[in-house]
Structure formats: C-alpha cells, structure tokens
Amino acid sequence: MLTLLETGLIVGLFIYFSSDTITTGYVNSNLKVEPTSNFFLVPLLLIVLIVGLGITIAAMVIFTILSHRIAGPLYRFEKCLEETTAGDLTKRLSLRKTDQLLELMETLNKTTGFLDNKIGRIKDNIAELKRLVSEKDISENAEKIQMTIEILKREIDHFKVTSRF
C-alpha cells in the first residue's frame, strides 16, 4: 500500500509540475511537440511500476526474514515459559545466532538455571530431613535436623513472594 501511495504521489507531482511545459522529441524518427506530461507519462508509469514492483518484492522478502527472526524466538520463549510454569526447570532455550533477542534468551536461561539449582538444593535438603526423621533415634539427629531446617529456610528466604503462610 505504501509503495502504491508513493507511486501515485510521484506520478501526480510529475503531472502537476509539468502541466505548463512543452517537450519536443523524436519518436520513431518523427518530431513531436507535446505537453511534457503527455510525452513522458507512459515511460514514467512503466518505470515507476517496475521499480515499485521490485521494491515491493524486496520489502516482502526482507519483512518475512526479519519477522521470522523475531516471531520465531518469541514463540520459543512462550513455549519455554509454559514448560517452566508447568514445573519443568530443566529446559533451556536455544536460538540461532542470527535470531533477535539473544540477550533475553541468555537471561531467561540463566534465571531458569538458577531456579533449577536452588530448587534442586531444597529438594536434597528435604530428602535429608526425611532420612534423619525416619531414623529410630531422632534425639541424636536433632542438631542435624535443625541445621538442615536452617539451610532450607535460607534457600527459601531468597525468594520474595506475595503470600505468607
């Protein structure tokens, strides 16, 4: 649409500015004297049409390539975040070197890796607590249980949350 608008504008301006002029020229060995707009209108329309078509095709190709370099990564971000929301912290995002948003990908992967590591440590400490509590003599393990609870508290307190229990 923009190319068509530009084409119309160029032709309209040409006709406006050449309306009071006369041009002489040879067409097939015949000397012609005509208003400039009539003399050049057909060649000008052909040139503008060919150039406009070329620019339109080039713009469509460039737009398609650039949109895939942005839309593709955004789609992958959405899928990765859905998996993370579902609880899978093992997924990492990968993009092509030519894609846009590489810095955001690195930040997302870093954040997911951090959460994966932190929650993994929490799970390990919970498993240790279960093991200590399941032993027959809990009083011997009271100090270990208290230390493990403190470690868990530090790990969990790292996160800022909106609700308190």
N, C-alpha and C. Protein backbone atom coordinates (compact mmCIF):
# COMPACT_ATOMS: atom_id res chain seq x y z
N MET A 1 0.83 -1.19 0.00
CA MET A 1 0.00 0.00 0.00
C MET A 1 0.87 1.25 0.00
N LEU A 2 1.92 1.21 0.79
CA LEU A 2 2.81 2.37 0.86
C LEU A 2 3.49 2.61 -0.48
N THR A 3 3.87 1.54 -1.15
CA THR A 3 4.51 1.67 -2.46
C THR A 3 3.53 2.23 -3.48
N LEU A 4 2.28 1.79 -3.43
CA LEU A 4 1.27 2.33 -4.34
C LEU A 4 1.01 3.81 -4.08
N LEU A 5 0.97 4.18 -2.82
CA LEU A 5 0.80 5.58 -2.46
C LEU A 5 1.97 6.41 -2.97
N GLU A 6 3.17 5.89 -2.80
CA GLU A 6 4.36 6.59 -3.27
C GLU A 6 4.33 6.73 -4.79
N THR A 7 3.93 5.69 -5.49
CA THR A 7 3.85 5.72 -6.96
C THR A 7 2.84 6.78 -7.41
N GLY A 8 1.69 6.78 -6.81
CA GLY A 8 0.68 7.78 -7.15
C GLY A 8 1.15 9.19 -6.88
N LEU A 9 1.85 9.37 -5.79
CA LEU A 9 2.38 10.69 -5.43
C LEU A 9 3.41 11.17 -6.45
N ILE A 10 4.30 10.28 -6.86
CA ILE A 10 5.34 10.65 -7.83
C ILE A 10 4.69 11.03 -9.17
N VAL A 11 3.78 10.22 -9.65
CA VAL A 11 3.13 10.50 -10.93
C VAL A 11 2.30 11.79 -10.83
N GLY A 12 1.56 11.95 -9.75
CA GLY A 12 0.77 13.17 -9.57
C GLY A 12 1.62 14.42 -9.53
N LEU A 13 2.73 14.38 -8.80
CA LEU A 13 3.63 15.54 -8.74
C LEU A 13 4.25 15.83 -10.10
N PHE A 14 4.59 14.77 -10.83
CA PHE A 14 5.17 14.97 -12.16
C PHE A 14 4.16 15.67 -13.07
N ILE A 15 2.92 15.20 -13.06
CA ILE A 15 1.90 15.81 -13.91
C ILE A 15 1.65 17.27 -13.49
N TYR A 16 1.61 17.53 -12.19
CA TYR A 16 1.36 18.89 -11.70
C TYR A 16 2.47 19.84 -12.12
N PHE A 17 3.73 19.43 -11.89
CA PHE A 17 4.84 20.34 -12.19
C PHE A 17 5.13 20.47 -13.69
N SER A 18 4.69 19.51 -14.49
CA SER A 18 4.97 19.59 -15.92
C SER A 18 3.75 20.02 -16.73
N SER A 19 2.69 20.44 -16.06
CA SER A 19 1.46 20.78 -16.77
C SER A 19 1.60 22.02 -17.66
N ASP A 20 2.47 22.93 -17.34
CA ASP A 20 2.64 24.16 -18.12
C ASP A 20 3.84 24.12 -19.04
N THR A 21 4.38 22.94 -19.29
CA THR A 21 5.58 22.87 -20.13
C THR A 21 5.31 22.05 -21.37
N ILE A 22 6.14 22.33 -22.40
CA ILE A 22 6.05 21.60 -23.66
C ILE A 22 7.39 20.94 -23.89
N THR A 23 7.36 19.73 -24.44
CA THR A 23 8.57 18.98 -24.70
C THR A 23 8.59 18.58 -26.17
N THR A 24 9.77 18.67 -26.76
CA THR A 24 9.94 18.20 -28.14
C THR A 24 10.85 17.00 -28.10
N GLY A 25 10.58 16.08 -28.98
CA GLY A 25 11.41 14.89 -29.03
C GLY A 25 11.06 14.05 -30.22
N TYR A 26 11.94 13.15 -30.53
CA TYR A 26 11.74 12.26 -31.66
C TYR A 26 11.17 10.93 -31.17
N VAL A 27 10.12 10.49 -31.85
CA VAL A 27 9.52 9.19 -31.61
C VAL A 27 9.43 8.50 -32.96
N ASN A 28 10.21 7.42 -33.13
CA ASN A 28 10.26 6.69 -34.40
C ASN A 28 10.56 7.63 -35.58
N SER A 29 11.56 8.44 -35.46
CA SER A 29 12.02 9.37 -36.50
C SER A 29 11.03 10.47 -36.80
N ASN A 30 10.04 10.65 -35.97
CA ASN A 30 9.08 11.75 -36.15
C ASN A 30 9.28 12.74 -35.02
N LEU A 31 9.34 14.01 -35.38
CA LEU A 31 9.46 15.06 -34.38
C LEU A 31 8.07 15.32 -33.79
N LYS A 32 8.01 15.27 -32.49
CA LYS A 32 6.73 15.51 -31.82
C LYS A 32 6.90 16.67 -30.85
N VAL A 33 5.88 17.50 -30.78
CA VAL A 33 5.82 18.58 -29.81
C VAL A 33 4.54 18.35 -29.02
N GLU A 34 4.72 18.05 -27.73
CA GLU A 34 3.57 17.72 -26.88
C GLU A 34 3.76 18.33 -25.49
N PRO A 35 2.67 18.41 -24.74
CA PRO A 35 2.85 18.78 -23.34
C PRO A 35 3.75 17.74 -22.66
N THR A 36 4.61 18.19 -21.77
CA THR A 36 5.58 17.31 -21.13
C THR A 36 4.91 16.12 -20.44
N SER A 37 3.80 16.36 -19.78
CA SER A 37 3.14 15.26 -19.07
C SER A 37 2.69 14.18 -20.03
N ASN A 38 2.19 14.54 -21.22
CA ASN A 38 1.78 13.54 -22.20
C ASN A 38 2.98 12.81 -22.79
N PHE A 39 4.05 13.55 -23.03
CA PHE A 39 5.24 12.97 -23.67
C PHE A 39 5.90 11.91 -22.78
N PHE A 40 5.98 12.19 -21.49
CA PHE A 40 6.70 11.30 -20.58
C PHE A 40 5.81 10.39 -19.73
N LEU A 41 4.51 10.53 -19.80
CA LEU A 41 3.62 9.81 -18.88
C LEU A 41 3.75 8.29 -19.01
N VAL A 42 3.69 7.74 -20.21
CA VAL A 42 3.76 6.29 -20.37
C VAL A 42 5.12 5.74 -19.91
N PRO A 43 6.25 6.32 -20.38
CA PRO A 43 7.54 5.80 -19.88
C PRO A 43 7.68 5.95 -18.36
N LEU A 44 7.18 7.08 -17.83
CA LEU A 44 7.27 7.29 -16.39
C LEU A 44 6.44 6.25 -15.64
N LEU A 45 5.24 5.98 -16.11
CA LEU A 45 4.40 4.97 -15.47
C LEU A 45 5.06 3.59 -15.50
N LEU A 46 5.66 3.24 -16.63
CA LEU A 46 6.35 1.95 -16.72
C LEU A 46 7.52 1.87 -15.76
N ILE A 47 8.32 2.92 -15.70
CA ILE A 47 9.48 2.94 -14.79
C ILE A 47 9.02 2.84 -13.33
N VAL A 48 8.04 3.66 -12.98
CA VAL A 48 7.54 3.66 -11.59
C VAL A 48 6.94 2.30 -11.25
N LEU A 49 6.21 1.70 -12.20
CA LEU A 49 5.61 0.39 -11.97
C LEU A 49 6.68 -0.69 -11.76
N ILE A 50 7.70 -0.70 -12.60
CA ILE A 50 8.77 -1.70 -12.47
C ILE A 50 9.55 -1.52 -11.17
N VAL A 51 9.93 -0.27 -10.88
CA VAL A 51 10.69 -0.01 -9.65
C VAL A 51 9.82 -0.29 -8.42
N GLY A 52 8.57 0.13 -8.46
CA GLY A 52 7.66 -0.11 -7.33
C GLY A 52 7.45 -1.60 -7.08
N LEU A 53 7.29 -2.36 -8.16
CA LEU A 53 7.14 -3.81 -8.02
C LEU A 53 8.39 -4.45 -7.43
N GLY A 54 9.56 -4.00 -7.91
CA GLY A 54 10.83 -4.51 -7.37
C GLY A 54 11.00 -4.20 -5.89
N ILE A 55 10.68 -2.97 -5.52
CA ILE A 55 10.79 -2.57 -4.11
C ILE A 55 9.80 -3.34 -3.25
N THR A 56 8.59 -3.54 -3.78
CA THR A 56 7.58 -4.29 -3.02
C THR A 56 8.02 -5.72 -2.77
N ILE A 57 8.55 -6.36 -3.81
CA ILE A 57 9.01 -7.75 -3.64
C ILE A 57 10.18 -7.81 -2.66
N ALA A 58 11.13 -6.88 -2.79
CA ALA A 58 12.28 -6.86 -1.87
C ALA A 58 11.81 -6.60 -0.44
N ALA A 59 10.86 -5.69 -0.27
CA ALA A 59 10.36 -5.38 1.08
C ALA A 59 9.65 -6.59 1.68
N MET A 60 8.90 -7.32 0.87
CA MET A 60 8.20 -8.50 1.38
C MET A 60 9.19 -9.58 1.82
N VAL A 61 10.25 -9.77 1.04
CA VAL A 61 11.27 -10.77 1.39
C VAL A 61 11.97 -10.36 2.69
N ILE A 62 12.38 -9.10 2.77
CA ILE A 62 13.07 -8.61 3.97
C ILE A 62 12.15 -8.70 5.18
N PHE A 63 10.91 -8.28 5.03
CA PHE A 63 9.96 -8.33 6.14
C PHE A 63 9.75 -9.77 6.62
N THR A 64 9.63 -10.70 5.67
CA THR A 64 9.43 -12.10 6.03
C THR A 64 10.62 -12.63 6.82
N ILE A 65 11.82 -12.33 6.34
CA ILE A 65 13.03 -12.80 7.04
C ILE A 65 13.12 -12.19 8.43
N LEU A 66 12.93 -10.88 8.54
CA LEU A 66 13.04 -10.22 9.84
C LEU A 66 11.93 -10.66 10.80
N SER A 67 10.73 -10.86 10.27
CA SER A 67 9.65 -11.28 11.16
C SER A 67 9.90 -12.68 11.71
N HIS A 68 10.51 -13.56 10.92
CA HIS A 68 10.83 -14.90 11.41
C HIS A 68 11.94 -14.85 12.46
N ARG A 69 12.81 -13.87 12.34
CA ARG A 69 13.88 -13.75 13.33
C ARG A 69 13.38 -13.18 14.65
N ILE A 70 12.19 -12.60 14.65
CA ILE A 70 11.60 -12.09 15.89
C ILE A 70 10.45 -13.00 16.34
N ALA A 71 9.56 -13.35 15.41
CA ALA A 71 8.39 -14.15 15.78
C ALA A 71 8.80 -15.56 16.22
N GLY A 72 9.79 -16.15 15.55
CA GLY A 72 10.26 -17.48 15.93
C GLY A 72 10.77 -17.52 17.36
N PRO A 73 11.69 -16.62 17.71
CA PRO A 73 12.15 -16.60 19.11
C PRO A 73 11.03 -16.31 20.11
N LEU A 74 10.11 -15.42 19.78
CA LEU A 74 9.01 -15.15 20.70
C LEU A 74 8.16 -16.39 20.93
N TYR A 75 7.93 -17.16 19.88
CA TYR A 75 7.19 -18.42 20.02
C TYR A 75 7.95 -19.38 20.93
N ARG A 76 9.27 -19.48 20.74
CA ARG A 76 10.07 -20.37 21.59
C ARG A 76 10.06 -19.90 23.04
N PHE A 77 10.13 -18.57 23.25
CA PHE A 77 10.06 -18.03 24.61
C PHE A 77 8.74 -18.44 25.26
N GLU A 78 7.65 -18.31 24.53
CA GLU A 78 6.34 -18.66 25.07
C GLU A 78 6.29 -20.13 25.47
N LYS A 79 6.77 -21.01 24.60
CA LYS A 79 6.76 -22.45 24.91
C LYS A 79 7.65 -22.77 26.11
N CYS A 80 8.82 -22.16 26.17
CA CYS A 80 9.74 -22.40 27.28
C CYS A 80 9.13 -21.92 28.60
N LEU A 81 8.50 -20.75 28.59
CA LEU A 81 7.89 -20.23 29.81
C LEU A 81 6.69 -21.08 30.23
N GLU A 82 5.95 -21.62 29.27
CA GLU A 82 4.85 -22.52 29.62
C GLU A 82 5.38 -23.78 30.30
N GLU A 83 6.48 -24.33 29.79
CA GLU A 83 7.08 -25.52 30.41
C GLU A 83 7.60 -25.19 31.80
N THR A 84 8.20 -24.02 31.95
CA THR A 84 8.71 -23.60 33.26
C THR A 84 7.54 -23.43 34.24
N THR A 85 6.46 -22.82 33.79
CA THR A 85 5.28 -22.65 34.63
C THR A 85 4.71 -24.00 35.05
N ALA A 86 4.81 -24.98 34.15
CA ALA A 86 4.32 -26.33 34.46
C ALA A 86 5.27 -27.06 35.42
N GLY A 87 6.41 -26.45 35.74
CA GLY A 87 7.32 -27.04 36.72
C GLY A 87 8.58 -27.66 36.16
N ASP A 88 8.78 -27.61 34.86
CA ASP A 88 9.98 -28.19 34.25
C ASP A 88 11.08 -27.14 34.18
N LEU A 89 12.02 -27.23 35.11
CA LEU A 89 13.13 -26.27 35.15
C LEU A 89 14.37 -26.80 34.44
N THR A 90 14.24 -27.92 33.74
CA THR A 90 15.40 -28.49 33.04
C THR A 90 15.52 -27.96 31.62
N LYS A 91 14.49 -27.34 31.11
CA LYS A 91 14.51 -26.85 29.72
C LYS A 91 15.35 -25.59 29.60
N ARG A 92 16.12 -25.54 28.55
CA ARG A 92 16.88 -24.34 28.23
C ARG A 92 16.52 -23.93 26.81
N LEU A 93 16.50 -22.66 26.59
CA LEU A 93 16.12 -22.11 25.29
C LEU A 93 17.35 -21.97 24.43
N SER A 94 17.21 -22.29 23.14
CA SER A 94 18.33 -22.07 22.21
C SER A 94 17.79 -21.40 20.96
N LEU A 95 18.51 -20.41 20.49
CA LEU A 95 18.15 -19.67 19.28
C LEU A 95 19.32 -19.71 18.30
N ARG A 96 19.01 -19.41 17.05
CA ARG A 96 20.08 -19.30 16.06
C ARG A 96 20.85 -18.01 16.30
N LYS A 97 22.10 -17.99 15.88
CA LYS A 97 22.94 -16.80 16.08
C LYS A 97 22.39 -15.59 15.35
N THR A 98 21.60 -15.82 14.30
CA THR A 98 21.06 -14.71 13.52
C THR A 98 19.73 -14.21 14.06
N ASP A 99 19.15 -14.92 15.04
CA ASP A 99 17.86 -14.50 15.61
C ASP A 99 18.04 -13.27 16.49
N GLN A 100 16.95 -12.55 16.64
CA GLN A 100 16.92 -11.43 17.56
C GLN A 100 16.67 -11.95 18.98
N LEU A 101 16.82 -11.10 19.96
CA LEU A 101 16.50 -11.41 21.37
C LEU A 101 17.46 -12.41 22.01
N LEU A 102 18.70 -12.47 21.54
CA LEU A 102 19.68 -13.40 22.11
C LEU A 102 19.99 -13.06 23.57
N GLU A 103 20.05 -11.76 23.90
CA GLU A 103 20.34 -11.36 25.28
C GLU A 103 19.22 -11.80 26.22
N LEU A 104 17.98 -11.68 25.74
CA LEU A 104 16.85 -12.12 26.56
C LEU A 104 16.90 -13.63 26.76
N MET A 105 17.29 -14.37 25.73
CA MET A 105 17.42 -15.82 25.84
C MET A 105 18.45 -16.18 26.91
N GLU A 106 19.59 -15.50 26.89
CA GLU A 106 20.64 -15.78 27.88
C GLU A 106 20.14 -15.49 29.30
N THR A 107 19.41 -14.39 29.46
CA THR A 107 18.88 -14.04 30.78
C THR A 107 17.84 -15.06 31.24
N LEU A 108 16.98 -15.48 30.34
CA LEU A 108 15.97 -16.49 30.70
C LEU A 108 16.62 -17.81 31.07
N ASN A 109 17.62 -18.23 30.30
CA ASN A 109 18.32 -19.48 30.61
C ASN A 109 19.06 -19.38 31.94
N LYS A 110 19.64 -18.23 32.20
CA LYS A 110 20.36 -18.01 33.47
C LYS A 110 19.37 -18.08 34.65
N THR A 111 18.21 -17.45 34.48
CA THR A 111 17.19 -17.46 35.53
C THR A 111 16.66 -18.87 35.77
N THR A 112 16.36 -19.57 34.69
CA THR A 112 15.87 -20.94 34.82
C THR A 112 16.92 -21.85 35.46
N GLY A 113 18.18 -21.67 35.07
CA GLY A 113 19.26 -22.45 35.67
C GLY A 113 19.40 -22.18 37.16
N PHE A 114 19.27 -20.90 37.52
CA PHE A 114 19.35 -20.53 38.94
C PHE A 114 18.22 -21.20 39.72
N LEU A 115 17.00 -21.11 39.19
CA LEU A 115 15.85 -21.73 39.88
C LEU A 115 16.01 -23.24 39.96
N ASP A 116 16.51 -23.84 38.89
CA ASP A 116 16.74 -25.28 38.86
C ASP A 116 17.72 -25.68 39.95
N ASN A 117 18.80 -24.95 40.06
CA ASN A 117 19.83 -25.23 41.07
C ASN A 117 19.28 -25.03 42.48
N LYS A 118 18.60 -23.91 42.70
CA LYS A 118 18.08 -23.58 44.03
C LYS A 118 17.04 -24.60 44.49
N ILE A 119 16.10 -24.93 43.62
CA ILE A 119 15.05 -25.89 43.99
C ILE A 119 15.64 -27.30 44.13
N GLY A 120 16.64 -27.62 43.34
CA GLY A 120 17.33 -28.90 43.49
C GLY A 120 17.96 -29.04 44.87
N ARG A 121 18.60 -27.96 45.34
CA ARG A 121 19.18 -27.99 46.69
C ARG A 121 18.10 -28.12 47.76
N ILE A 122 16.99 -27.44 47.56
CA ILE A 122 15.88 -27.55 48.52
C ILE A 122 15.36 -28.98 48.56
N LYS A 123 15.19 -29.60 47.41
CA LYS A 123 14.74 -31.00 47.36
C LYS A 123 15.74 -31.92 48.06
N ASP A 124 17.03 -31.70 47.84
CA ASP A 124 18.05 -32.52 48.50
C ASP A 124 17.97 -32.38 50.02
N ASN A 125 17.77 -31.16 50.50
CA ASN A 125 17.69 -30.94 51.95
C ASN A 125 16.41 -31.55 52.53
N ILE A 126 15.33 -31.51 51.79
CA ILE A 126 14.10 -32.14 52.26
C ILE A 126 14.29 -33.66 52.35
N ALA A 127 14.96 -34.24 51.33
CA ALA A 127 15.23 -35.68 51.36
C ALA A 127 16.12 -36.02 52.57
N GLU A 128 17.09 -35.18 52.86
CA GLU A 128 17.96 -35.39 54.03
C GLU A 128 17.14 -35.31 55.32
N LEU A 129 16.24 -34.33 55.40
CA LEU A 129 15.37 -34.22 56.58
C LEU A 129 14.52 -35.47 56.76
N LYS A 130 13.94 -35.95 55.68
CA LYS A 130 13.13 -37.17 55.76
C LYS A 130 13.96 -38.34 56.26
N ARG A 131 15.18 -38.44 55.75
CA ARG A 131 16.05 -39.54 56.18
C ARG A 131 16.36 -39.42 57.66
N LEU A 132 16.69 -38.21 58.12
CA LEU A 132 17.03 -38.01 59.53
C LEU A 132 15.84 -38.29 60.44
N VAL A 133 14.65 -37.86 60.03
CA VAL A 133 13.46 -38.05 60.85
C VAL A 133 13.05 -39.53 60.88
N SER A 134 13.33 -40.26 59.80
CA SER A 134 12.92 -41.67 59.75
C SER A 134 13.82 -42.58 60.59
N GLU A 135 14.97 -42.08 60.99
CA GLU A 135 15.85 -42.91 61.82
C GLU A 135 15.22 -43.09 63.21
N LYS A 136 15.60 -44.16 63.86
CA LYS A 136 14.99 -44.54 65.14
C LYS A 136 15.22 -43.51 66.23
N ASP A 137 16.42 -43.05 66.38
CA ASP A 137 16.73 -42.14 67.48
C ASP A 137 16.82 -40.71 66.95
N ILE A 138 15.70 -40.00 66.99
CA ILE A 138 15.63 -38.64 66.47
C ILE A 138 16.45 -37.69 67.35
N SER A 139 16.54 -37.96 68.64
CA SER A 139 17.26 -37.05 69.54
C SER A 139 18.73 -36.94 69.16
N GLU A 140 19.33 -38.01 68.63
CA GLU A 140 20.73 -37.94 68.19
C GLU A 140 20.87 -37.04 66.96
N ASN A 141 19.84 -37.00 66.14
CA ASN A 141 19.89 -36.23 64.89
C ASN A 141 19.28 -34.84 65.03
N ALA A 142 18.89 -34.44 66.24
CA ALA A 142 18.20 -33.17 66.44
C ALA A 142 19.04 -32.00 65.91
N GLU A 143 20.35 -32.02 66.18
CA GLU A 143 21.22 -30.93 65.72
C GLU A 143 21.30 -30.91 64.19
N LYS A 144 21.43 -32.09 63.58
CA LYS A 144 21.48 -32.18 62.12
C LYS A 144 20.16 -31.72 61.50
N ILE A 145 19.06 -32.10 62.15
CA ILE A 145 17.74 -31.70 61.65
C ILE A 145 17.60 -30.19 61.72
N GLN A 146 18.03 -29.60 62.83
CA GLN A 146 17.96 -28.14 63.00
C GLN A 146 18.82 -27.44 61.95
N MET A 147 20.01 -27.94 61.68
CA MET A 147 20.90 -27.33 60.67
C MET A 147 20.26 -27.43 59.28
N THR A 148 19.67 -28.58 58.98
CA THR A 148 19.05 -28.76 57.67
C THR A 148 17.85 -27.83 57.52
N ILE A 149 17.09 -27.65 58.57
CA ILE A 149 15.95 -26.72 58.54
C ILE A 149 16.45 -25.30 58.30
N GLU A 150 17.54 -24.92 58.94
CA GLU A 150 18.11 -23.57 58.73
C GLU A 150 18.58 -23.39 57.29
N ILE A 151 19.19 -24.43 56.74
CA ILE A 151 19.62 -24.36 55.33
C ILE A 151 18.40 -24.18 54.43
N LEU A 152 17.36 -24.95 54.67
CA LEU A 152 16.14 -24.82 53.89
C LEU A 152 15.53 -23.43 54.01
N LYS A 153 15.54 -22.90 55.23
CA LYS A 153 14.98 -21.57 55.45
C LYS A 153 15.77 -20.54 54.66
N ARG A 154 17.09 -20.62 54.67
CA ARG A 154 17.91 -19.67 53.89
C ARG A 154 17.62 -19.79 52.39
N GLU A 155 17.51 -21.03 51.92
CA GLU A 155 17.24 -21.24 50.49
C GLU A 155 15.88 -20.64 50.09
N ILE A 156 14.87 -20.89 50.90
CA ILE A 156 13.53 -20.40 50.60
C ILE A 156 13.43 -18.89 50.81
N ASP A 157 14.10 -18.36 51.83
CA ASP A 157 14.03 -16.92 52.10
C ASP A 157 14.66 -16.08 51.00
N HIS A 158 15.41 -16.71 50.11
CA HIS A 158 15.99 -15.98 48.98
C HIS A 158 14.89 -15.38 48.10
N PHE A 159 13.74 -16.07 48.02
CA PHE A 159 12.66 -15.65 47.14
C PHE A 159 11.73 -14.68 47.83
N LYS A 160 11.38 -13.62 47.12
CA LYS A 160 10.37 -12.69 47.60
C LYS A 160 9.04 -13.17 47.06
N VAL A 161 8.05 -13.30 47.92
CA VAL A 161 6.75 -13.80 47.49
C VAL A 161 5.66 -12.86 47.97
N THR A 162 4.50 -12.97 47.34
CA THR A 162 3.39 -12.08 47.71
C THR A 162 2.53 -12.64 48.84
N SER A 163 2.59 -13.93 49.08
CA SER A 163 1.74 -14.51 50.12
C SER A 163 2.60 -15.10 51.23
N ARG A 164 2.07 -15.05 52.41
CA ARG A 164 2.73 -15.63 53.59
C ARG A 164 1.80 -16.68 54.18
N PHE A 165 2.37 -17.76 54.64
CA PHE A 165 1.55 -18.82 55.23
C PHE A 165 1.62 -18.75 56.72
